[in-house]
Amino acid sequence: MENTAVPPAGQEKPAFVVTASRQFPSWLADSGGSLAISTYQSSKVILVGTNGQSGRLSVFERTLERPMGMAFHDSRLVVASMIQISSFVDAARGTPGAAGYDALFVPQSATYTADLDVHDVAFGGDGRLVFANTLFSCLATTSETHSFRPLWKPPFISRLAPEDRCHLNGLAMRDGEPAYVTCVAETDVTDGWREHRTSGGVVVDVASGEVVCRGLSMPHSPRLHEGRLWVLNSGAGEVGTVDLANGRFEPLAFCPGYLRGLDFVGPYALVGLSEPRENRTFAGLPLQDRLAAARVGPRCGVFVIDTRTGDVAHWLRLEGVVNELYDLVALPGLARPMMIGFKSDEIRRTVSIE
């Protein structure tokens, strides 16, 4: 593990511990890529790759203020955080450095949004960023003159207001355009979604405005993959697909955790698991009964699920100071990435010439 945070003298914190199933490192190495994981609870972006010399996992972390949604495209990694959306560009371009890293993400630009509680973020077909503006219950893009420019809101939202009316959180893209969003409820009052966490969740078609699936528990991370719409039924610990013909959610696998973050590597779905907090947001969810029935506690980490069978092929577990994740993205072609952060003087000494 590289760059593990050390607590200040006199301040004890649980260790940051990363463990994995026996074949996870070799599977990740064979995939030819790595992973980026965001944890807003610990204010970290974690890069998980493999060390080609030792064959072991390489774990590199940097501190960002409340990182949430992420997107990766053409050597550019975008991270939404507390008041901004930052763009990091791979300056190494596949050339391993002295320490063996083949990717070096350097911050290049940032858009200041104020605290919009931005969740999912994606690249549009024209290169613009599209994001779930959860505070204003809409989809939005960045603006050079304002905090954001609204693009779309669900038909059940009467007007834009900073009230988090439905907890619109997830975004699925198709051909560079927003295709589907997830909301915790079809509510149009301030914080109204909290009363419908157990079964009020919906998936909404952006083009038509129609609800294509109901009855979900705090759904997140809709994604289109190989012609199917995938969704995390987070409050029930389920990953599955939506049958658009009949509006039914079809679970593929149960995961022992509160689910957020979904990406794909070939036939494998990468799913982020969190330990639900002991507060009113997570209390009383179906997940609690599922965990009790399975006689297991909640976990924080990543499950690699074979979409052909629903089996968990590999897993990565995070413990200690990290117990909640928000997003994860696959980084194809980058075996061992690192990142320049804002908290040290590295950024002053990192210069690149076009």
Foldseek 3Di string as FASTA:
>chain_A
DPDFDDDDPPDDFWGKDKDKPPCVLVVQVVLQWWKWFFFQLLQKIWIWFAQPVVSHIDIAIDGHHRWAAWEDDDQWIWIDHQFKIWIWGFPQCQPADPVGFRTETETDDMAGQHGQVWHHWYAALVRWIWTQSQQFQAIWTTDPVHSTGGDAHAPLAPGGDRQSFFRWHAFEDDNRHTFKTKTLASGHGRVNSLVRQAFHIFIAGGVVSDTQAGGAHPKYYWYDDPNWTWIQSQLQQFTFTADSVRRDTDTLEHAQARWAAWDDRVQKIKIFGAQDDPDSSNPPYNSVVVCVVVVHHGFGWIFIARNVRRDGPMIMGIDISGGDTHYMDIGHNGRHYYYDYDPDCVSVVDDDDD
